[in-house]
Amino acid sequence: MVLGQYEDEAPFRTWNTFGITTARSLAMGETQFTLGSDCAVSLTNPALLTRLPKINFTVNSSFNIAQLYRYSIVNTGPFYTRGNLSLGVIAFDFAGASIRLKKWTLALSIGLIESYHRPSAEDVYDPAGTVLYLLRVDQEGNLRNINLSIARKLFGGLSVGIGLNYAYGFLKKDINEQWDTGSIAITDSKSHKFQGFYVNGGLVWELADKIEVAAVFRMPYVKKSKSESFLNYLSPGGDTDIIIEASSRDEYKQPFVAGIGVSYKFSPKLRAASDFTFYNWSKYRVNYFEEELRRDFKDIIKIGAGIEHLSLRRVFGQEVNIPLRAGLIYDPQPMKEPNSSYYYLSLGTGIHWGKFLFDGAVILGRESGSGNSLTASKIAVSLSFRL
């Protein structure tokens, strides 16, 4: 029973989450280590906060769409589907602000960094128009993050920054099974409340007028869970009502993450960037209701690259910047079996009018390796205000 991509705690669409990609970074192949476009950089490379205007406000919303095949009891045991199942998750996933005080820049934000939603799956047996048997699986959850970051310009175009992060969230899964004969019902419910604390940081160095390099990290941390299990077997005809309850303090040992980035300005209107992100998934561990679950994971490197061209227009006598962006993403998943990877194409544009920046982006991807040809995509829109 190999779940791989879709273990219960697997983030929706991809295991490889690091911060939040707002529209500009999403459009440029999810590159974000050298692109100081908004205060969401505090979640990945807070050193870029020094590149922002004195005051910056940013909000972002996204729509994730992905296909799944094997998860929970779906296509792993008693419950089979004819093909892939799809789900779309829409979220208002980031709001933050930053302010620069001389050489120091401070930022505060709240964001949704992971989602654990799954498509609801239901099997009904009703040969004569009357439901004789029903089996239903539901799962939902998310992980939110509060970030406080500080950054400072040093010397020779070098800036450094560090962020403090408090992560919290929940996961809830229900499996319900009912028989009309005897009115038998089995309910299996599990719920988890998460919390954890971690540190991220980075630096960015302007080597010349045209090239910048960056290095980032996220320390490994333990995502703790207060977990509860409720199992109920009810058979009124047999005068049976069995309830089994349990609780546990679980742990999800999250991996160390590090990355390097580079960007190059061919001209004031044309820029390219690329990120390489290392995830130490071989150290990932799960302690679940006093049992260490097997997660046969390998270390991986995710690669993103993108290009941006700025086009100037005049609207109502004002100069308006209209960026055009494109990128590519290689996103290998950590499980050894199946050997699965996602390949994405990203596109985006925007309107930068005075103090307001509005950007939109989309990534379109397909998975290879699982044998199920899963598809995945994401749409993001962001609005920033600068002073």
Protein backbone atom coordinates (compact mmCIF):
# COMPACT_ATOMS: atom_id res chain seq x y z
CA MET A 1 0.00 0.00 0.00
CA VAL A 2 2.23 2.81 -1.32
CA LEU A 3 0.61 6.24 -0.93
CA GLY A 4 3.73 8.28 -1.67
CA GLN A 5 2.50 11.64 -2.91
CA TYR A 6 -0.70 11.50 -0.90
CA GLU A 7 0.06 10.48 2.67
CA ASP A 8 -2.50 12.11 4.93
CA GLU A 9 -0.08 14.88 5.97
CA ALA A 10 1.15 15.55 2.41
CA PRO A 11 0.55 19.17 1.33
CA PHE A 12 -1.96 19.48 -1.50
CA ARG A 13 -0.34 19.44 -4.98
CA THR A 14 3.32 19.14 -3.88
CA TRP A 15 5.43 18.18 -0.85
CA ASN A 16 7.93 20.96 -1.62
CA THR A 17 6.57 24.07 0.10
CA PHE A 18 8.83 26.90 1.23
CA GLY A 19 7.10 30.19 1.95
CA ILE A 20 4.39 31.57 -0.34
CA THR A 21 4.85 32.34 -4.02
CA THR A 22 2.92 35.49 -4.86
CA ALA A 23 2.02 36.25 -8.48
CA ARG A 24 5.36 37.69 -9.66
CA SER A 25 7.50 34.84 -8.35
CA LEU A 26 4.94 32.24 -9.47
CA ALA A 27 5.02 33.62 -13.03
CA MET A 28 8.83 33.46 -13.10
CA GLY A 29 9.04 29.74 -12.35
CA GLU A 30 8.47 30.20 -8.60
CA THR A 31 11.81 32.00 -8.30
CA GLN A 32 11.86 34.13 -5.16
CA PHE A 33 15.37 34.15 -3.64
CA THR A 34 16.61 37.24 -5.54
CA LEU A 35 13.31 38.94 -6.48
CA GLY A 36 12.39 41.61 -3.95
CA SER A 37 8.94 42.40 -5.30
CA ASP A 38 6.77 42.31 -2.14
CA CYS A 39 6.95 41.54 1.59
CA ALA A 40 6.18 37.83 1.06
CA VAL A 41 9.96 37.52 0.62
CA SER A 42 10.17 37.49 4.43
CA LEU A 43 9.05 33.83 4.36
CA THR A 44 11.93 32.74 2.11
CA ASN A 45 14.69 35.37 1.95
CA PRO A 46 14.02 38.21 4.42
CA ALA A 47 17.23 39.94 3.26
CA LEU A 48 15.23 41.11 0.23
CA LEU A 49 13.12 43.32 2.48
CA THR A 50 15.90 45.92 2.21
CA ARG A 51 15.18 46.12 -1.56
CA LEU A 52 11.57 47.20 -1.02
CA PRO A 53 10.29 50.80 -0.80
CA LYS A 54 10.06 52.38 2.64
CA ILE A 55 6.53 51.06 3.26
CA ASN A 56 4.97 48.07 1.50
CA PHE A 57 1.60 46.31 1.89
CA THR A 58 0.85 43.08 0.01
CA VAL A 59 -2.12 40.71 -0.21
CA ASN A 60 -2.31 37.54 -2.29
CA SER A 61 -4.99 35.02 -3.24
CA SER A 62 -4.55 31.70 -5.01
CA PHE A 63 -6.47 28.82 -6.57
CA ASN A 64 -4.79 25.39 -6.52
CA ILE A 65 -6.11 22.62 -8.78
CA ALA A 66 -4.72 19.10 -8.74
CA GLN A 67 -5.57 15.53 -9.62
CA LEU A 68 -5.07 12.72 -7.11
CA TYR A 69 -5.32 8.98 -7.49
CA ARG A 70 -4.03 7.14 -4.41
CA TYR A 71 -4.76 8.50 -0.90
CA SER A 72 -6.24 7.28 2.40
CA ILE A 73 -8.34 4.16 1.54
CA VAL A 74 -8.95 5.41 -2.02
CA ASN A 75 -7.21 3.11 -4.55
CA THR A 76 -5.14 1.54 -1.77
CA GLY A 77 -7.60 -1.07 -0.49
CA PRO A 78 -11.39 -1.43 -0.51
CA PHE A 79 -12.21 1.78 -2.43
CA TYR A 80 -11.36 2.01 -6.16
CA THR A 81 -12.08 4.72 -8.71
CA ARG A 82 -12.20 4.56 -12.52
CA GLY A 83 -9.60 7.30 -12.84
CA ASN A 84 -8.02 10.34 -11.20
CA LEU A 85 -10.02 12.54 -8.83
CA SER A 86 -9.75 16.34 -9.01
CA LEU A 87 -10.03 19.09 -6.42
CA GLY A 88 -9.73 22.88 -6.47
CA VAL A 89 -8.75 24.83 -3.34
CA ILE A 90 -9.20 28.62 -3.27
CA ALA A 91 -7.63 30.66 -0.50
CA PHE A 92 -6.77 34.18 0.60
CA ASP A 93 -3.28 33.02 1.49
CA PHE A 94 -1.10 36.03 2.36
CA ALA A 95 -1.29 39.47 3.94
CA GLY A 96 1.75 41.39 5.13
CA ALA A 97 3.44 44.73 5.62
CA SER A 98 7.01 45.98 5.85
CA ILE A 99 8.64 49.25 6.88
CA ARG A 100 12.22 50.47 6.47
CA LEU A 101 13.87 52.47 9.24
CA LYS A 102 17.23 53.72 7.94
CA LYS A 103 19.31 50.56 7.34
CA TRP A 104 16.82 48.22 9.06
CA THR A 105 13.61 46.80 7.61
CA LEU A 106 10.87 45.09 9.64
CA ALA A 107 8.04 42.90 8.31
CA LEU A 108 4.99 41.20 9.80
CA SER A 109 2.75 38.80 7.89
CA ILE A 110 0.25 35.97 8.13
CA GLY A 111 -0.09 33.31 5.47
CA LEU A 112 -1.45 29.91 4.55
CA ILE A 113 1.61 27.81 3.72
CA GLU A 114 0.10 24.30 3.33
CA SER A 115 -3.29 22.73 2.58
CA TYR A 116 -4.26 19.12 3.37
CA HIS A 117 -7.56 18.96 1.50
CA ARG A 118 -8.49 15.86 -0.49
CA PRO A 119 -11.34 15.19 -2.93
CA SER A 120 -14.39 13.73 -1.19
CA ALA A 121 -14.91 10.16 -2.40
CA GLU A 122 -18.19 8.28 -2.11
CA ASP A 123 -19.35 4.80 -3.13
CA VAL A 124 -23.08 4.01 -3.07
CA TYR A 125 -24.83 0.68 -3.75
CA ASP A 126 -28.49 1.26 -4.65
CA PRO A 127 -29.64 -1.51 -7.07
CA ALA A 128 -33.36 -0.72 -6.74
CA GLY A 129 -33.23 3.00 -6.02
CA THR A 130 -32.76 2.38 -2.29
CA VAL A 131 -29.31 2.89 -0.74
CA LEU A 132 -28.21 -0.46 0.72
CA TYR A 133 -24.56 0.49 1.28
CA LEU A 134 -22.56 3.75 1.50
CA LEU A 135 -18.85 4.45 1.97
CA ARG A 136 -17.56 8.04 2.15
CA VAL A 137 -14.10 9.55 2.74
CA ASP A 138 -13.51 13.22 3.62
CA GLN A 139 -10.33 15.09 4.57
CA GLU A 140 -9.57 18.77 5.10
CA GLY A 141 -6.95 20.88 6.83
CA ASN A 142 -4.32 23.59 6.50
CA LEU A 143 -1.20 25.05 8.08
CA ARG A 144 -0.97 28.79 8.67
CA ASN A 145 2.04 30.87 9.58
CA ILE A 146 2.79 34.11 11.42
CA ASN A 147 6.14 35.60 10.46
CA LEU A 148 8.15 38.43 12.04
CA SER A 149 11.29 39.34 10.09
CA ILE A 150 14.11 41.84 10.31
CA ALA A 151 16.70 42.71 7.66
CA ARG A 152 19.66 45.06 7.37
CA LYS A 153 21.88 46.46 4.66
CA LEU A 154 25.56 45.90 5.42
CA PHE A 155 28.27 46.88 2.94
CA GLY A 156 29.12 46.49 -0.72
CA GLY A 157 25.56 45.66 -1.80
CA LEU A 158 25.18 42.89 0.83
CA SER A 159 21.98 42.50 2.88
CA VAL A 160 21.05 39.88 5.47
CA GLY A 161 17.77 38.98 7.14
CA ILE A 162 16.19 36.55 9.57
CA GLY A 163 12.60 35.50 10.23
CA LEU A 164 10.80 34.00 13.23
CA ASN A 165 7.83 31.79 12.35
CA TYR A 166 4.96 30.32 14.35
CA ALA A 167 3.04 27.65 12.41
CA TYR A 168 -0.40 26.39 13.44
CA GLY A 169 -3.24 24.48 11.82
CA PHE A 170 -5.39 21.36 11.73
CA LEU A 171 -6.18 18.18 9.82
CA LYS A 172 -9.44 16.23 10.03
CA LYS A 173 -10.29 12.95 8.28
CA ASP A 174 -13.61 11.07 8.41
CA ILE A 175 -14.47 7.64 7.02
CA ASN A 176 -18.15 6.65 7.23
CA GLU A 177 -19.57 3.24 6.29
CA GLN A 178 -23.29 2.35 6.47
CA TRP A 179 -25.41 -0.74 5.72
CA ASP A 180 -29.17 -0.49 5.35
CA THR A 181 -29.57 -4.08 6.54
CA GLY A 182 -29.50 -3.86 10.32
CA SER A 183 -28.82 -0.10 10.13
CA ILE A 184 -25.15 -0.76 10.83
CA ALA A 185 -22.85 2.29 10.82
CA ILE A 186 -19.09 2.53 11.30
CA THR A 187 -17.51 5.94 11.87
CA ASP A 188 -13.75 6.48 11.95
CA SER A 189 -12.71 10.08 12.71
CA LYS A 190 -9.23 11.45 13.34
CA SER A 191 -8.35 15.07 14.09
CA HIS A 192 -5.03 16.85 14.60
CA LYS A 193 -4.14 20.32 15.87
CA PHE A 194 -0.69 21.44 14.75
CA GLN A 195 1.80 23.93 16.07
CA GLY A 196 5.51 24.54 15.60
CA PHE A 197 8.22 27.19 15.59
CA TYR A 198 11.08 27.64 13.15
CA VAL A 199 13.66 30.15 11.92
CA ASN A 200 14.40 31.10 8.34
CA GLY A 201 16.95 33.50 6.95
CA GLY A 202 19.06 34.52 4.01
CA LEU A 203 21.35 36.98 2.33
CA VAL A 204 21.41 38.73 -1.01
CA TRP A 205 24.50 40.24 -2.59
CA GLU A 206 24.58 42.64 -5.52
CA LEU A 207 27.84 41.61 -7.16
CA ALA A 208 27.51 44.19 -9.92
CA ASP A 209 24.88 46.42 -11.47
CA LYS A 210 23.53 43.46 -13.44
CA ILE A 211 23.88 40.38 -11.25
CA GLU A 212 22.64 39.38 -7.80
CA VAL A 213 23.14 36.15 -5.86
CA ALA A 214 21.31 34.87 -2.79
CA ALA A 215 21.48 32.08 -0.22
CA VAL A 216 18.59 31.05 2.03
CA PHE A 217 17.75 28.48 4.70
CA ARG A 218 14.92 27.14 6.84
CA MET A 219 15.94 25.33 10.01
CA PRO A 220 14.51 21.84 10.65
CA TYR A 221 11.71 21.87 13.20
CA VAL A 222 9.12 19.65 14.85
CA LYS A 223 5.49 20.20 13.91
CA LYS A 224 3.72 18.97 17.03
CA SER A 225 0.18 17.62 16.94
CA LYS A 226 -2.48 17.11 19.57
CA SER A 227 -4.30 14.18 17.98
CA GLU A 228 -7.59 12.47 18.73
CA SER A 229 -9.20 9.33 17.31
CA PHE A 230 -12.86 8.29 17.51
CA LEU A 231 -14.05 4.90 16.25
CA ASN A 232 -17.72 3.95 16.59
CA TYR A 233 -19.53 0.73 15.58
CA LEU A 234 -23.30 1.09 15.88
CA SER A 235 -25.82 -1.71 15.23
CA PRO A 236 -29.24 -0.88 16.72
CA GLY A 237 -30.67 -4.19 15.48
CA GLY A 238 -28.07 -6.11 17.43
CA ASP A 239 -28.20 -3.71 20.38
CA THR A 240 -24.51 -2.92 19.88
CA ASP A 241 -22.78 0.43 20.34
CA ILE A 242 -18.98 0.20 20.57
CA ILE A 243 -16.91 3.38 21.01
CA ILE A 244 -13.10 3.43 21.02
CA GLU A 245 -11.44 6.77 21.76
CA ALA A 246 -7.75 7.64 21.86
CA SER A 247 -5.51 10.70 22.11
CA SER A 248 -1.84 11.24 21.44
CA ARG A 249 0.92 13.83 21.22
CA ASP A 250 2.32 13.31 17.73
CA GLU A 251 5.34 14.77 15.98
CA TYR A 252 6.20 15.52 12.35
CA LYS A 253 9.93 16.25 12.03
CA GLN A 254 10.16 18.73 9.16
CA PRO A 255 13.31 18.82 7.01
CA PHE A 256 16.08 21.36 6.69
CA VAL A 257 15.71 23.50 3.56
CA ALA A 258 18.44 25.51 1.84
CA GLY A 259 18.71 27.26 -1.47
CA ILE A 260 20.73 29.49 -3.76
CA GLY A 261 19.45 31.96 -6.33
CA VAL A 262 20.86 34.15 -9.05
CA SER A 263 19.36 36.91 -11.18
CA TYR A 264 20.77 38.84 -14.13
CA LYS A 265 19.64 42.12 -15.68
CA PHE A 266 20.24 42.11 -19.41
CA SER A 267 18.84 45.66 -19.53
CA PRO A 268 16.61 47.88 -17.36
CA LYS A 269 13.62 46.17 -19.02
CA LEU A 270 14.79 42.54 -19.17
CA ARG A 271 15.67 40.28 -16.24
CA ALA A 272 16.16 36.54 -15.70
CA ALA A 273 16.32 34.58 -12.44
CA SER A 274 16.79 31.02 -11.25
CA ASP A 275 16.49 29.21 -7.89
CA PHE A 276 17.83 25.85 -6.67
CA THR A 277 16.20 24.55 -3.48
CA PHE A 278 17.45 21.57 -1.46
CA TYR A 279 14.99 19.65 0.75
CA ASN A 280 16.52 17.24 3.28
CA TRP A 281 13.55 14.85 3.11
CA SER A 282 15.65 11.80 4.10
CA LYS A 283 15.49 13.14 7.70
CA TYR A 284 11.69 13.45 7.70
CA ARG A 285 10.04 11.45 10.51
CA VAL A 286 6.44 10.92 11.66
CA ASN A 287 5.41 9.69 15.12
CA TYR A 288 1.69 8.94 14.90
CA PHE A 289 -0.34 7.62 17.87
CA GLU A 290 2.85 6.22 19.49
CA GLU A 291 4.01 4.59 16.26
CA GLU A 292 6.77 5.73 13.89
CA LEU A 293 5.27 5.59 10.41
CA ARG A 294 7.43 4.53 7.49
CA ARG A 295 8.27 7.36 5.12
CA ASP A 296 10.86 6.14 2.64
CA PHE A 297 11.98 9.54 1.37
CA LYS A 298 15.03 10.85 -0.46
CA ASP A 299 16.66 14.28 -0.57
CA ILE A 300 15.67 16.34 -3.61
CA ILE A 301 16.56 19.56 -5.42
CA LYS A 302 13.80 21.67 -6.92
CA ILE A 303 14.71 23.99 -9.82
CA GLY A 304 12.88 27.06 -11.09
CA ALA A 305 13.83 29.61 -13.74
CA GLY A 306 12.06 32.60 -15.21
CA ILE A 307 12.32 35.74 -17.30
CA GLU A 308 10.62 39.15 -17.05
CA HIS A 309 10.24 41.90 -19.64
CA LEU A 310 8.92 45.35 -18.68
CA SER A 311 6.88 47.36 -21.16
CA LEU A 312 6.12 51.05 -20.52
CA ARG A 313 2.80 52.62 -21.56
CA ARG A 314 1.10 55.93 -20.90
CA VAL A 315 -2.45 55.80 -19.52
CA PHE A 316 -4.31 59.07 -18.74
CA GLY A 317 -1.00 60.88 -18.90
CA GLN A 318 0.67 58.56 -16.39
CA GLU A 319 3.43 56.06 -17.04
CA VAL A 320 2.28 52.46 -16.52
CA ASN A 321 4.53 49.43 -16.33
CA ILE A 322 3.18 46.22 -17.87
CA PRO A 323 5.45 43.24 -17.14
CA LEU A 324 5.39 40.02 -19.17
CA ARG A 325 6.76 36.92 -17.42
CA ALA A 326 7.38 33.24 -18.15
CA GLY A 327 9.18 30.36 -16.46
CA LEU A 328 9.79 26.64 -16.04
CA ILE A 329 9.74 24.47 -12.90
CA TYR A 330 11.15 21.02 -12.14
CA ASP A 331 9.59 19.72 -8.91
CA PRO A 332 10.70 16.17 -7.94
CA GLN A 333 8.72 14.54 -5.12
CA PRO A 334 10.56 13.02 -2.14
CA MET A 335 9.21 9.44 -2.06
CA LYS A 336 11.50 6.78 -3.50
CA GLU A 337 8.56 4.80 -4.83
CA PRO A 338 7.02 5.89 -7.12
CA ASN A 339 9.78 8.08 -8.57
CA SER A 340 7.49 11.01 -9.31
CA SER A 341 8.19 14.56 -10.54
CA TYR A 342 6.10 17.53 -11.69
CA TYR A 343 7.01 19.72 -14.67
CA TYR A 344 5.41 23.18 -14.90
CA LEU A 345 5.16 26.04 -17.35
CA SER A 346 4.44 29.44 -15.77
CA LEU A 347 3.06 32.64 -17.32
CA GLY A 348 2.03 36.00 -15.92
CA THR A 349 1.57 39.71 -16.35
CA GLY A 350 0.48 42.75 -14.36
CA ILE A 351 -0.16 46.47 -14.19
CA HIS A 352 2.12 48.72 -12.13
CA TRP A 353 0.45 52.11 -11.87
CA GLY A 354 2.00 54.63 -9.53
CA LYS A 355 2.00 53.25 -5.99
CA PHE A 356 -0.17 50.24 -6.86
CA LEU A 357 1.09 46.94 -8.27
CA PHE A 358 -1.38 44.35 -9.52
CA ASP A 359 -0.02 41.02 -10.76
CA GLY A 360 -1.49 37.74 -11.97
CA ALA A 361 0.10 34.38 -12.77
CA VAL A 362 -0.64 30.76 -13.63
CA ILE A 363 1.40 27.56 -13.63
CA LEU A 364 0.32 24.50 -15.63
CA GLY A 365 1.93 21.18 -14.84
CA ARG A 366 1.91 17.44 -15.36
CA GLU A 367 3.33 14.66 -13.24
CA SER A 368 5.53 11.87 -14.54
CA GLY A 369 6.54 8.63 -12.83
CA SER A 370 3.47 7.41 -10.96
CA GLY A 371 1.82 6.01 -14.07
CA ASN A 372 -1.31 8.09 -13.48
CA SER A 373 -0.34 11.22 -15.51
CA LEU A 374 -1.59 13.55 -12.80
CA THR A 375 -2.11 17.22 -13.65
CA ALA A 376 -1.63 20.22 -11.37
CA SER A 377 -1.95 23.97 -11.71
CA LYS A 378 -2.10 27.13 -9.65
CA ILE A 379 -3.44 30.64 -10.25
CA ALA A 380 -2.37 33.61 -8.11
CA VAL A 381 -3.26 37.29 -7.99
CA SER A 382 -1.51 39.83 -5.77
CA LEU A 383 -1.92 43.50 -4.96
CA SER A 384 0.78 45.66 -3.43
CA PHE A 385 0.80 49.27 -2.26
CA ARG A 386 4.09 51.14 -1.91
CA LEU A 387 5.18 54.40 -0.34
